[in-house]
């Protein structure tokens, strides 16, 4: 259609006189061989892909291109011989017209055939890339779900056993009120851990609420040895964070930091944002890290999950904070939970 319009308009603009309607129809219909044989070229491309170093695919496509060239020349010659679209006093003889078309159509045939192949390869590559991106996104989501499940199951067994032993000790000492409080706190904690309806993300406020229950039980266990402080601005409580992002860091800080000191130490959880990045920090007064820093299961799962959720737009670092203790820092995109 475009070729027909272009031919008619350009020739008319140059002052030529032809049978314009016939010329337009002949030009459009002359592309019929391409309409019929393009699927054949694509069939050959699927079974003999190029570019390649093999000779056979090039021979196949070369033969297909020549066949289309010959058919196209014969078809356009026949159309012009029968219809005389240029309104000559006498239509051109068929054989001289065919010879002229064969010589004139060869470069165009090669260009059109090449364009069909290039466009097909481009679309196929784009389709494959989109499929791979979708598969990668599904894989990342699956990995994130697996890591979340691992974090749910990872809640330190020793922590639960110690909590139960502490409850038993409180009952034996007839401190029933404290035993009930600790039992209720442990129940709330386990209910949250086993809840599968919350999804991947929660608000920072919900995460801090869960962390408060966890630290409440740890506080009953360690007593004055564990001094907790949470510095979270109210404005950040609606920030969106991955569920259970803080608990593994706090558990790691208590297990490898506070618990290793006879006098215990301070644990501080803080958050800040510059508008684009949300920074979460967990500090503990405990033994300094060795070099290189050992990679625990909890931190490894957390790193993999953060990468699955945010790609390279996140970071998790664990480093010595001078000589005072150890600081774990999580940086991720700042988003408001909806």
C-alpha atoms as a PDB file:
ATOM      1  CA  UNK A   1       0.000   0.000   0.000  1.00  0.00           C
ATOM      2  CA  UNK A   2       2.743   2.448   0.970  1.00  0.00           C
ATOM      3  CA  UNK A   3       4.807   1.544  -2.101  1.00  0.00           C
ATOM      4  CA  UNK A   4       1.780   2.087  -4.355  1.00  0.00           C
ATOM      5  CA  UNK A   5       1.030   5.515  -2.892  1.00  0.00           C
ATOM      6  CA  UNK A   6       4.670   6.531  -3.056  1.00  0.00           C
ATOM      7  CA  UNK A   7       4.954   5.474  -6.695  1.00  0.00           C
ATOM      8  CA  UNK A   8       1.793   7.256  -7.789  1.00  0.00           C
ATOM      9  CA  UNK A   9       2.471  10.455  -5.835  1.00  0.00           C
ATOM     10  CA  UNK A  10       6.118  10.767  -6.878  1.00  0.00           C
ATOM     11  CA  UNK A  11       5.392  10.148 -10.581  1.00  0.00           C
ATOM     12  CA  UNK A  12       2.422  12.502 -10.552  1.00  0.00           C
ATOM     13  CA  UNK A  13       4.558  15.182  -8.900  1.00  0.00           C
ATOM     14  CA  UNK A  14       7.085  14.879 -11.739  1.00  0.00           C
ATOM     15  CA  UNK A  15       4.328  15.616 -14.273  1.00  0.00           C
ATOM     16  CA  UNK A  16       4.061  12.137 -15.700  1.00  0.00           C
ATOM     17  CA  UNK A  17       0.828  10.832 -17.171  1.00  0.00           C
ATOM     18  CA  UNK A  18      -0.053   7.223 -16.405  1.00  0.00           C
ATOM     19  CA  UNK A  19      -3.114   5.124 -15.611  1.00  0.00           C
ATOM     20  CA  UNK A  20      -2.899   6.056 -11.952  1.00  0.00           C
ATOM     21  CA  UNK A  21      -5.502   3.700 -10.516  1.00  0.00           C
ATOM     22  CA  UNK A  22      -4.125   0.785 -12.514  1.00  0.00           C
ATOM     23  CA  UNK A  23      -0.558   1.691 -11.556  1.00  0.00           C
ATOM     24  CA  UNK A  24      -1.481   1.872  -7.871  1.00  0.00           C
ATOM     25  CA  UNK A  25      -3.237  -1.524  -7.985  1.00  0.00           C
ATOM     26  CA  UNK A  26      -0.424  -3.165  -9.956  1.00  0.00           C
ATOM     27  CA  UNK A  27       2.216  -1.837  -7.538  1.00  0.00           C
ATOM     28  CA  UNK A  28       0.313  -3.132  -4.519  1.00  0.00           C
ATOM     29  CA  UNK A  29      -0.484  -6.519  -6.085  1.00  0.00           C
ATOM     30  CA  UNK A  30       3.132  -6.911  -7.233  1.00  0.00           C
ATOM     31  CA  UNK A  31       4.066  -7.607  -3.596  1.00  0.00           C
ATOM     32  CA  UNK A  32       1.896 -10.733  -3.515  1.00  0.00           C
ATOM     33  CA  UNK A  33       4.890 -13.113  -3.908  1.00  0.00           C
ATOM     34  CA  UNK A  34       6.428 -11.609  -0.776  1.00  0.00           C
ATOM     35  CA  UNK A  35       3.159 -11.973   1.136  1.00  0.00           C
ATOM     36  CA  UNK A  36       3.008 -15.655   0.174  1.00  0.00           C
ATOM     37  CA  UNK A  37       6.695 -16.552   0.512  1.00  0.00           C
ATOM     38  CA  UNK A  38       7.704 -14.603   3.619  1.00  0.00           C
ATOM     39  CA  UNK A  39       6.390 -17.476   5.842  1.00  0.00           C
ATOM     40  CA  UNK A  40       8.596 -19.811   3.790  1.00  0.00           C
ATOM     41  CA  UNK A  41      11.633 -17.627   4.481  1.00  0.00           C
ATOM     42  CA  UNK A  42      10.777 -17.604   8.203  1.00  0.00           C
ATOM     43  CA  UNK A  43      10.368 -21.394   8.100  1.00  0.00           C
ATOM     44  CA  UNK A  44      13.867 -21.723   6.655  1.00  0.00           C
ATOM     45  CA  UNK A  45      15.151 -19.315   9.321  1.00  0.00           C
ATOM     46  CA  UNK A  46      13.726 -21.482  12.128  1.00  0.00           C
ATOM     47  CA  UNK A  47      15.284 -24.649  10.697  1.00  0.00           C
ATOM     48  CA  UNK A  48      18.475 -23.064   9.362  1.00  0.00           C
ATOM     49  CA  UNK A  49      19.225 -20.112  11.665  1.00  0.00           C
ATOM     50  CA  UNK A  50      21.717 -17.460  10.647  1.00  0.00           C
ATOM     51  CA  UNK A  51      24.185 -15.900  11.193  1.00  0.00           C
ATOM     52  CA  UNK A  52      26.320 -18.994  11.514  1.00  0.00           C
ATOM     53  CA  UNK A  53      29.658 -20.374  10.364  1.00  0.00           C
ATOM     54  CA  UNK A  54      27.981 -23.376   8.766  1.00  0.00           C
ATOM     55  CA  UNK A  55      27.665 -23.265   4.975  1.00  0.00           C
ATOM     56  CA  UNK A  56      24.321 -25.057   4.543  1.00  0.00           C
ATOM     57  CA  UNK A  57      22.096 -22.346   6.127  1.00  0.00           C
ATOM     58  CA  UNK A  58      23.619 -19.680   3.871  1.00  0.00           C
ATOM     59  CA  UNK A  59      23.062 -21.872   0.800  1.00  0.00           C
ATOM     60  CA  UNK A  60      19.446 -22.499   1.810  1.00  0.00           C
ATOM     61  CA  UNK A  61      18.712 -18.818   2.321  1.00  0.00           C
ATOM     62  CA  UNK A  62      20.580 -17.895  -0.850  1.00  0.00           C
ATOM     63  CA  UNK A  63      18.479 -20.343  -2.850  1.00  0.00           C
ATOM     64  CA  UNK A  64      15.276 -19.071  -1.228  1.00  0.00           C
ATOM     65  CA  UNK A  65      16.228 -15.477  -2.020  1.00  0.00           C
ATOM     66  CA  UNK A  66      16.930 -16.334  -5.662  1.00  0.00           C
ATOM     67  CA  UNK A  67      13.650 -18.224  -5.976  1.00  0.00           C
ATOM     68  CA  UNK A  68      11.711 -15.243  -4.614  1.00  0.00           C
ATOM     69  CA  UNK A  69      13.672 -12.956  -6.929  1.00  0.00           C
ATOM     70  CA  UNK A  70      12.737 -14.986 -10.001  1.00  0.00           C
ATOM     71  CA  UNK A  71       9.077 -15.325  -8.981  1.00  0.00           C
ATOM     72  CA  UNK A  72       8.802 -11.624  -8.125  1.00  0.00           C
ATOM     73  CA  UNK A  73      10.307 -10.612 -11.468  1.00  0.00           C
ATOM     74  CA  UNK A  74       8.039 -12.968 -13.402  1.00  0.00           C
ATOM     75  CA  UNK A  75       4.946 -11.818 -11.516  1.00  0.00           C
ATOM     76  CA  UNK A  76       5.572  -8.086 -11.917  1.00  0.00           C
ATOM     77  CA  UNK A  77       6.474  -8.567 -15.580  1.00  0.00           C
ATOM     78  CA  UNK A  78       3.240 -10.424 -16.237  1.00  0.00           C
ATOM     79  CA  UNK A  79       1.182  -7.788 -14.403  1.00  0.00           C
ATOM     80  CA  UNK A  80       2.702  -4.902 -16.341  1.00  0.00           C
ATOM     81  CA  UNK A  81       2.463  -6.744 -19.654  1.00  0.00           C
ATOM     82  CA  UNK A  82      -1.234  -7.469 -19.156  1.00  0.00           C
ATOM     83  CA  UNK A  83      -2.383  -4.190 -17.570  1.00  0.00           C
ATOM     84  CA  UNK A  84       0.035  -1.640 -19.160  1.00  0.00           C
ATOM     85  CA  UNK A  85      -0.168   0.643 -16.054  1.00  0.00           C
ATOM     86  CA  UNK A  86       2.165   3.249 -17.563  1.00  0.00           C
ATOM     87  CA  UNK A  87      -0.307   3.763 -20.430  1.00  0.00           C
ATOM     88  CA  UNK A  88       2.202   3.195 -23.208  1.00  0.00           C
ATOM     89  CA  UNK A  89       0.764   3.127 -26.745  1.00  0.00           C
ATOM     90  CA  UNK A  90       1.608  -0.553 -26.754  1.00  0.00           C
ATOM     91  CA  UNK A  91       2.371  -2.796 -23.765  1.00  0.00           C
ATOM     92  CA  UNK A  92       5.978  -3.923 -23.436  1.00  0.00           C
ATOM     93  CA  UNK A  93       6.692  -7.441 -24.745  1.00  0.00           C
ATOM     94  CA  UNK A  94       6.833  -9.997 -21.931  1.00  0.00           C
ATOM     95  CA  UNK A  95      10.362 -11.403 -22.416  1.00  0.00           C
ATOM     96  CA  UNK A  96      12.215  -8.058 -22.589  1.00  0.00           C
ATOM     97  CA  UNK A  97      10.135  -6.894 -19.605  1.00  0.00           C
ATOM     98  CA  UNK A  98      11.085 -10.059 -17.684  1.00  0.00           C
ATOM     99  CA  UNK A  99      14.779  -9.531 -18.460  1.00  0.00           C
ATOM    100  CA  UNK A 100      14.550  -5.948 -17.244  1.00  0.00           C
ATOM    101  CA  UNK A 101      12.790  -6.985 -14.021  1.00  0.00           C
ATOM    102  CA  UNK A 102      15.319  -9.734 -13.323  1.00  0.00           C
ATOM    103  CA  UNK A 103      18.171  -7.249 -13.576  1.00  0.00           C
ATOM    104  CA  UNK A 104      16.395  -4.495 -11.676  1.00  0.00           C
ATOM    105  CA  UNK A 105      14.790  -6.542  -8.884  1.00  0.00           C
ATOM    106  CA  UNK A 106      17.889  -8.416  -7.684  1.00  0.00           C
ATOM    107  CA  UNK A 107      19.228  -5.707  -5.306  1.00  0.00           C
ATOM    108  CA  UNK A 108      15.737  -5.023  -3.979  1.00  0.00           C
ATOM    109  CA  UNK A 109      15.093  -8.726  -3.429  1.00  0.00           C
ATOM    110  CA  UNK A 110      18.304  -9.136  -1.455  1.00  0.00           C
ATOM    111  CA  UNK A 111      17.499  -6.037   0.642  1.00  0.00           C
ATOM    112  CA  UNK A 112      13.913  -7.090   1.367  1.00  0.00           C
ATOM    113  CA  UNK A 113      14.895 -10.688   2.152  1.00  0.00           C
ATOM    114  CA  UNK A 114      17.637  -9.436   4.456  1.00  0.00           C
ATOM    115  CA  UNK A 115      15.215  -7.031   6.150  1.00  0.00           C
ATOM    116  CA  UNK A 116      12.720  -9.869   6.742  1.00  0.00           C
ATOM    117  CA  UNK A 117      15.456 -12.012   8.294  1.00  0.00           C
ATOM    118  CA  UNK A 118      16.851  -9.189  10.447  1.00  0.00           C
ATOM    119  CA  UNK A 119      13.407  -8.147  11.710  1.00  0.00           C
ATOM    120  CA  UNK A 120      12.513 -11.746  12.488  1.00  0.00           C
ATOM    121  CA  UNK A 121      15.746 -12.265  14.433  1.00  0.00           C
ATOM    122  CA  UNK A 122      15.198  -8.956  16.257  1.00  0.00           C
ATOM    123  CA  UNK A 123      11.631  -9.817  17.276  1.00  0.00           C
ATOM    124  CA  UNK A 124      12.630 -13.341  18.267  1.00  0.00           C
ATOM    125  CA  UNK A 125      15.521 -12.037  20.366  1.00  0.00           C
ATOM    126  CA  UNK A 126      13.283  -9.459  22.038  1.00  0.00           C
ATOM    127  CA  UNK A 127      10.618 -12.077  22.725  1.00  0.00           C
ATOM    128  CA  UNK A 128      13.228 -14.411  24.190  1.00  0.00           C
ATOM    129  CA  UNK A 129      14.643 -11.588  26.327  1.00  0.00           C
ATOM    130  CA  UNK A 130      11.188 -10.692  27.665  1.00  0.00           C
ATOM    131  CA  UNK A 131      10.545 -14.354  28.437  1.00  0.00           C
ATOM    132  CA  UNK A 132      13.878 -14.643  30.240  1.00  0.00           C
ATOM    133  CA  UNK A 133      13.168 -11.468  32.200  1.00  0.00           C
ATOM    134  CA  UNK A 134       9.754 -12.800  33.215  1.00  0.00           C
ATOM    135  CA  UNK A 135      11.299 -16.138  34.167  1.00  0.00           C
ATOM    136  CA  UNK A 136      14.006 -14.328  36.119  1.00  0.00           C
ATOM    137  CA  UNK A 137      11.377 -12.280  37.958  1.00  0.00           C
ATOM    138  CA  UNK A 138       9.439 -15.447  38.801  1.00  0.00           C
ATOM    139  CA  UNK A 139      12.651 -17.104  39.961  1.00  0.00           C
ATOM    140  CA  UNK A 140      13.547 -14.101  42.116  1.00  0.00           C
ATOM    141  CA  UNK A 141      10.074 -14.123  43.664  1.00  0.00           C
ATOM    142  CA  UNK A 142      10.354 -17.858  44.296  1.00  0.00           C
ATOM    143  CA  UNK A 143      13.788 -17.381  45.848  1.00  0.00           C
ATOM    144  CA  UNK A 144      12.500 -14.571  48.049  1.00  0.00           C
ATOM    145  CA  UNK A 145       9.589 -16.761  49.188  1.00  0.00           C
ATOM    146  CA  UNK A 146      11.991 -19.616  49.929  1.00  0.00           C
ATOM    147  CA  UNK A 147      14.275 -17.341  51.893  1.00  0.00           C
ATOM    148  CA  UNK A 148      11.302 -16.003  53.879  1.00  0.00           C
ATOM    149  CA  UNK A 149      10.219 -19.573  54.643  1.00  0.00           C
ATOM    150  CA  UNK A 150      13.765 -20.357  55.735  1.00  0.00           C
ATOM    151  CA  UNK A 151      13.799 -17.329  58.024  1.00  0.00           C
ATOM    152  CA  UNK A 152      10.468 -18.380  59.522  1.00  0.00           C
ATOM    153  CA  UNK A 153      11.846 -21.835  60.304  1.00  0.00           C
ATOM    154  CA  UNK A 154      15.192 -20.520  61.436  1.00  0.00           C
ATOM    155  CA  UNK A 155      13.967 -18.895  64.659  1.00  0.00           C
ATOM    156  CA  UNK A 156      16.673 -20.236  66.906  1.00  0.00           C
ATOM    157  CA  UNK A 157      15.557 -23.510  68.543  1.00  0.00           C
ATOM    158  CA  UNK A 158      17.758 -22.749  71.532  1.00  0.00           C
ATOM    159  CA  UNK A 159      15.874 -19.488  71.975  1.00  0.00           C
ATOM    160  CA  UNK A 160      12.548 -21.334  72.164  1.00  0.00           C
ATOM    161  CA  UNK A 161      13.939 -23.996  74.508  1.00  0.00           C
ATOM    162  CA  UNK A 162      15.501 -21.358  76.749  1.00  0.00           C
ATOM    163  CA  UNK A 163      12.217 -19.431  76.792  1.00  0.00           C
ATOM    164  CA  UNK A 164      10.326 -22.577  77.818  1.00  0.00           C
ATOM    165  CA  UNK A 165      12.920 -23.338  80.503  1.00  0.00           C
ATOM    166  CA  UNK A 166      12.621 -19.767  81.766  1.00  0.00           C
ATOM    167  CA  UNK A 167       8.835 -20.141  81.961  1.00  0.00           C
ATOM    168  CA  UNK A 168       9.276 -23.397  83.876  1.00  0.00           C
ATOM    169  CA  UNK A 169      11.670 -21.696  86.307  1.00  0.00           C
ATOM    170  CA  UNK A 170       9.200 -18.847  86.858  1.00  0.00           C
ATOM    171  CA  UNK A 171       6.435 -21.314  87.633  1.00  0.00           C
ATOM    172  CA  UNK A 172       8.638 -23.180  90.123  1.00  0.00           C
ATOM    173  CA  UNK A 173       9.433 -19.878  91.819  1.00  0.00           C
ATOM    174  CA  UNK A 174       5.682 -19.189  91.879  1.00  0.00           C
ATOM    175  CA  UNK A 175       6.153 -16.044  89.825  1.00  0.00           C
ATOM    176  CA  UNK A 176       2.979 -16.927  87.984  1.00  0.00           C
ATOM    177  CA  UNK A 177       2.262 -13.447  86.619  1.00  0.00           C
ATOM    178  CA  UNK A 178       5.645 -13.265  84.907  1.00  0.00           C
ATOM    179  CA  UNK A 179       5.268 -16.831  83.636  1.00  0.00           C
ATOM    180  CA  UNK A 180       1.902 -15.984  82.086  1.00  0.00           C
ATOM    181  CA  UNK A 181       3.316 -12.833  80.476  1.00  0.00           C
ATOM    182  CA  UNK A 182       6.256 -14.737  79.027  1.00  0.00           C
ATOM    183  CA  UNK A 183       4.026 -17.550  77.791  1.00  0.00           C
ATOM    184  CA  UNK A 184       1.708 -15.038  76.094  1.00  0.00           C
ATOM    185  CA  UNK A 185       4.667 -13.244  74.526  1.00  0.00           C
ATOM    186  CA  UNK A 186       6.095 -16.520  73.223  1.00  0.00           C
ATOM    187  CA  UNK A 187       2.689 -17.494  71.830  1.00  0.00           C
ATOM    188  CA  UNK A 188       2.351 -14.152  70.026  1.00  0.00           C
ATOM    189  CA  UNK A 189       5.849 -14.537  68.632  1.00  0.00           C
ATOM    190  CA  UNK A 190       5.261 -18.058  67.302  1.00  0.00           C
ATOM    191  CA  UNK A 191       1.870 -17.052  65.874  1.00  0.00           C
ATOM    192  CA  UNK A 192       3.556 -14.308  63.864  1.00  0.00           C
ATOM    193  CA  UNK A 193       6.284 -16.661  62.693  1.00  0.00           C
ATOM    194  CA  UNK A 194       3.795 -19.249  61.451  1.00  0.00           C
ATOM    195  CA  UNK A 195       1.429 -16.697  59.863  1.00  0.00           C
ATOM    196  CA  UNK A 196       1.607 -17.205  56.083  1.00  0.00           C
ATOM    197  CA  UNK A 197      -0.813 -14.399  55.148  1.00  0.00           C
ATOM    198  CA  UNK A 198       1.381 -11.345  55.636  1.00  0.00           C
ATOM    199  CA  UNK A 199       3.330 -11.658  52.375  1.00  0.00           C
ATOM    200  CA  UNK A 200       6.852 -10.460  51.722  1.00  0.00           C
ATOM    201  CA  UNK A 201       6.519  -6.934  53.097  1.00  0.00           C
ATOM    202  CA  UNK A 202       5.256  -5.273  56.255  1.00  0.00           C
ATOM    203  CA  UNK A 203       5.496  -1.785  57.676  1.00  0.00           C
ATOM    204  CA  UNK A 204       8.499  -0.923  59.774  1.00  0.00           C
ATOM    205  CA  UNK A 205       6.075  -0.399  62.663  1.00  0.00           C
ATOM    206  CA  UNK A 206       4.847  -4.008  62.362  1.00  0.00           C
ATOM    207  CA  UNK A 207       8.416  -5.256  62.164  1.00  0.00           C
ATOM    208  CA  UNK A 208       9.339  -3.304  65.303  1.00  0.00           C
ATOM    209  CA  UNK A 209       6.255  -4.668  67.079  1.00  0.00           C
ATOM    210  CA  UNK A 210       7.374  -8.227  66.317  1.00  0.00           C
ATOM    211  CA  UNK A 211      10.925  -7.370  67.326  1.00  0.00           C
ATOM    212  CA  UNK A 212       9.638  -5.963  70.617  1.00  0.00           C
ATOM    213  CA  UNK A 213       8.007  -9.325  71.431  1.00  0.00           C
ATOM    214  CA  UNK A 214      11.216 -11.140  70.560  1.00  0.00           C
ATOM    215  CA  UNK A 215      13.344  -8.794  72.673  1.00  0.00           C
ATOM    216  CA  UNK A 216      10.823  -8.975  75.521  1.00  0.00           C
ATOM    217  CA  UNK A 217      11.422 -12.712  75.819  1.00  0.00           C
ATOM    218  CA  UNK A 218      15.175 -12.285  75.460  1.00  0.00           C
ATOM    219  CA  UNK A 219      15.031  -9.613  78.164  1.00  0.00           C
ATOM    220  CA  UNK A 220      13.386 -12.084  80.549  1.00  0.00           C
ATOM    221  CA  UNK A 221      16.159 -14.544  79.776  1.00  0.00           C
ATOM    222  CA  UNK A 222      19.155 -12.207  80.062  1.00  0.00           C
ATOM    223  CA  UNK A 223      17.753  -9.784  82.620  1.00  0.00           C
ATOM    224  CA  UNK A 224      20.022  -6.834  83.316  1.00  0.00           C
ATOM    225  CA  UNK A 225      22.697  -8.250  80.996  1.00  0.00           C
ATOM    226  CA  UNK A 226      20.649  -7.144  77.970  1.00  0.00           C
ATOM    227  CA  UNK A 227      20.034  -3.425  77.641  1.00  0.00           C
ATOM    228  CA  UNK A 228      17.834  -2.673  74.624  1.00  0.00           C
ATOM    229  CA  UNK A 229      17.176   0.633  72.917  1.00  0.00           C
ATOM    230  CA  UNK A 230      15.092   1.232  69.800  1.00  0.00           C
ATOM    231  CA  UNK A 231      15.506   4.561  67.998  1.00  0.00           C
ATOM    232  CA  UNK A 232      12.955   4.663  65.189  1.00  0.00           C
ATOM    233  CA  UNK A 233      11.375   8.013  64.203  1.00  0.00           C
ATOM    234  CA  UNK A 234       7.577   7.889  64.053  1.00  0.00           C
ATOM    235  CA  UNK A 235       7.711   9.202  60.472  1.00  0.00           C
ATOM    236  CA  UNK A 236       9.437   5.986  59.346  1.00  0.00           C
ATOM    237  CA  UNK A 237       6.961   3.574  60.938  1.00  0.00           C
ATOM    238  CA  UNK A 238       4.971   3.390  57.679  1.00  0.00           C
ATOM    239  CA  UNK A 239       8.030   2.536  55.588  1.00  0.00           C
ATOM    240  CA  UNK A 240       7.824  -0.737  53.693  1.00  0.00           C
ATOM    241  CA  UNK A 241      10.382  -3.353  54.730  1.00  0.00           C
ATOM    242  CA  UNK A 242      10.781  -7.092  54.111  1.00  0.00           C
ATOM    243  CA  UNK A 243       9.177  -9.144  56.858  1.00  0.00           C
ATOM    244  CA  UNK A 244      11.671 -10.539  59.405  1.00  0.00           C
ATOM    245  CA  UNK A 245      14.445  -8.261  58.154  1.00  0.00           C
ATOM    246  CA  UNK A 246      15.512  -7.180  61.659  1.00  0.00           C
ATOM    247  CA  UNK A 247      14.992 -10.323  63.747  1.00  0.00           C
ATOM    248  CA  UNK A 248      17.895 -12.323  62.208  1.00  0.00           C
ATOM    249  CA  UNK A 249      20.217  -9.346  62.707  1.00  0.00           C
ATOM    250  CA  UNK A 250      19.143  -8.929  66.333  1.00  0.00           C
ATOM    251  CA  UNK A 251      19.376 -12.677  66.957  1.00  0.00           C
ATOM    252  CA  UNK A 252      22.876 -12.661  65.487  1.00  0.00           C
ATOM    253  CA  UNK A 253      23.818  -9.676  67.670  1.00  0.00           C
ATOM    254  CA  UNK A 254      22.579 -11.378  70.846  1.00  0.00           C
ATOM    255  CA  UNK A 255      23.998 -14.816  70.071  1.00  0.00           C
ATOM    256  CA  UNK A 256      27.451 -13.693  68.919  1.00  0.00           C
ATOM    257  CA  UNK A 257      27.682 -10.464  70.874  1.00  0.00           C
ATOM    258  CA  UNK A 258      25.727  -9.979  74.096  1.00  0.00           C
ATOM    259  CA  UNK A 259      25.694 -13.658  75.091  1.00  0.00           C
ATOM    260  CA  UNK A 260      29.481 -13.870  74.765  1.00  0.00           C
ATOM    261  CA  UNK A 261      30.066 -11.312  77.527  1.00  0.00           C
ATOM    262  CA  UNK A 262      29.594 -12.130  81.189  1.00  0.00           C
ATOM    263  CA  UNK A 263      28.327  -8.636  81.909  1.00  0.00           C
ATOM    264  CA  UNK A 264      26.214  -8.538  78.761  1.00  0.00           C
ATOM    265  CA  UNK A 265      25.936  -5.291  76.864  1.00  0.00           C
ATOM    266  CA  UNK A 266      23.777  -2.814  75.034  1.00  0.00           C
ATOM    267  CA  UNK A 267      21.802  -3.508  71.880  1.00  0.00           C
ATOM    268  CA  UNK A 268      20.502  -0.645  69.761  1.00  0.00           C
ATOM    269  CA  UNK A 269      18.162  -0.747  66.764  1.00  0.00           C
ATOM    270  CA  UNK A 270      17.932   2.441  64.681  1.00  0.00           C
ATOM    271  CA  UNK A 271      16.519   3.638  61.374  1.00  0.00           C
ATOM    272  CA  UNK A 272      17.025   6.695  59.187  1.00  0.00           C
ATOM    273  CA  UNK A 273      16.161   7.852  55.691  1.00  0.00           C
ATOM    274  CA  UNK A 274      17.410  10.478  53.259  1.00  0.00           C
ATOM    275  CA  UNK A 275      14.213  10.258  51.197  1.00  0.00           C
ATOM    276  CA  UNK A 276      15.483   7.688  48.702  1.00  0.00           C
ATOM    277  CA  UNK A 277      17.229   5.121  50.900  1.00  0.00           C
ATOM    278  CA  UNK A 278      16.051   3.578  54.144  1.00  0.00           C
ATOM    279  CA  UNK A 279      18.871   2.582  56.479  1.00  0.00           C
ATOM    280  CA  UNK A 280      18.360   0.067  59.286  1.00  0.00           C
ATOM    281  CA  UNK A 281      21.077  -0.531  61.869  1.00  0.00           C
ATOM    282  CA  UNK A 282      21.570  -3.055  64.652  1.00  0.00           C
ATOM    283  CA  UNK A 283      24.462  -2.380  67.054  1.00  0.00           C
ATOM    284  CA  UNK A 284      25.649  -4.616  69.876  1.00  0.00           C
ATOM    285  CA  UNK A 285      28.329  -4.292  72.520  1.00  0.00           C
ATOM    286  CA  UNK A 286      30.139  -7.538  72.024  1.00  0.00           C
ATOM    287  CA  UNK A 287      33.357  -9.142  70.818  1.00  0.00           C
ATOM    288  CA  UNK A 288      34.727  -7.566  67.664  1.00  0.00           C
ATOM    289  CA  UNK A 289      34.475  -9.433  64.399  1.00  0.00           C
ATOM    290  CA  UNK A 290      37.315 -11.508  63.098  1.00  0.00           C
ATOM    291  CA  UNK A 291      38.810 -10.731  59.694  1.00  0.00           C
ATOM    292  CA  UNK A 292      37.399 -12.011  57.385  1.00  0.00           C
ATOM    293  CA  UNK A 293      33.896 -11.717  58.777  1.00  0.00           C
ATOM    294  CA  UNK A 294      32.289 -15.178  59.163  1.00  0.00           C
ATOM    295  CA  UNK A 295      29.083 -15.662  57.151  1.00  0.00           C
ATOM    296  CA  UNK A 296      26.320 -17.219  59.248  1.00  0.00           C
ATOM    297  CA  UNK A 297      23.248 -18.944  57.841  1.00  0.00           C
ATOM    298  CA  UNK A 298      20.880 -16.196  58.987  1.00  0.00           C
ATOM    299  CA  UNK A 299      22.882 -13.392  57.423  1.00  0.00           C
ATOM    300  CA  UNK A 300      23.426 -15.440  54.249  1.00  0.00           C
ATOM    301  CA  UNK A 301      19.681 -16.052  53.872  1.00  0.00           C
ATOM    302  CA  UNK A 302      18.978 -12.377  54.522  1.00  0.00           C
ATOM    303  CA  UNK A 303      21.503 -11.272  51.886  1.00  0.00           C
ATOM    304  CA  UNK A 304      20.079 -13.630  49.271  1.00  0.00           C
ATOM    305  CA  UNK A 305      16.533 -12.545  50.050  1.00  0.00           C
ATOM    306  CA  UNK A 306      17.399  -8.842  49.819  1.00  0.00           C
ATOM    307  CA  UNK A 307      19.074  -9.433  46.464  1.00  0.00           C
ATOM    308  CA  UNK A 308      16.023 -11.346  45.199  1.00  0.00           C
ATOM    309  CA  UNK A 309      13.699  -8.513  46.285  1.00  0.00           C
ATOM    310  CA  UNK A 310      15.761  -5.454  45.332  1.00  0.00           C
ATOM    311  CA  UNK A 311      18.566  -6.596  43.031  1.00  0.00           C
ATOM    312  CA  UNK A 312      21.564  -4.293  43.372  1.00  0.00           C
ATOM    313  CA  UNK A 313      19.515  -1.518  45.019  1.00  0.00           C
ATOM    314  CA  UNK A 314      20.284  -2.882  48.492  1.00  0.00           C
ATOM    315  CA  UNK A 315      23.209  -3.612  50.762  1.00  0.00           C
ATOM    316  CA  UNK A 316      23.866  -5.546  53.966  1.00  0.00           C
ATOM    317  CA  UNK A 317      27.123  -4.888  55.776  1.00  0.00           C
ATOM    318  CA  UNK A 318      28.524  -6.201  59.029  1.00  0.00           C
ATOM    319  CA  UNK A 319      31.504  -4.372  60.509  1.00  0.00           C
ATOM    320  CA  UNK A 320      33.235  -3.420  63.711  1.00  0.00           C
ATOM    321  CA  UNK A 321      32.097  -0.077  65.118  1.00  0.00           C
ATOM    322  CA  UNK A 322      35.475   1.103  66.321  1.00  0.00           C
ATOM    323  CA  UNK A 323      36.263  -0.784  69.514  1.00  0.00           C
ATOM    324  CA  UNK A 324      32.765  -0.435  70.956  1.00  0.00           C
ATOM    325  CA  UNK A 325      31.090  -3.392  69.244  1.00  0.00           C
ATOM    326  CA  UNK A 326      29.606  -4.622  65.992  1.00  0.00           C
ATOM    327  CA  UNK A 327      27.254  -2.777  63.635  1.00  0.00           C
ATOM    328  CA  UNK A 328      24.979  -4.422  61.065  1.00  0.00           C
ATOM    329  CA  UNK A 329      23.567  -2.060  58.428  1.00  0.00           C
ATOM    330  CA  UNK A 330      20.834  -2.670  55.857  1.00  0.00           C
ATOM    331  CA  UNK A 331      20.213  -0.149  53.065  1.00  0.00           C
ATOM    332  CA  UNK A 332      17.204  -0.526  50.785  1.00  0.00           C
ATOM    333  CA  UNK A 333      14.892   1.700  48.717  1.00  0.00           C
ATOM    334  CA  UNK A 334      12.637   3.860  50.854  1.00  0.00           C
ATOM    335  CA  UNK A 335       8.992   3.095  50.022  1.00  0.00           C
ATOM    336  CA  UNK A 336       5.804   3.851  51.872  1.00  0.00           C
ATOM    337  CA  UNK A 337       3.697   0.761  52.548  1.00  0.00           C
ATOM    338  CA  UNK A 338       0.270   0.807  50.893  1.00  0.00           C
END
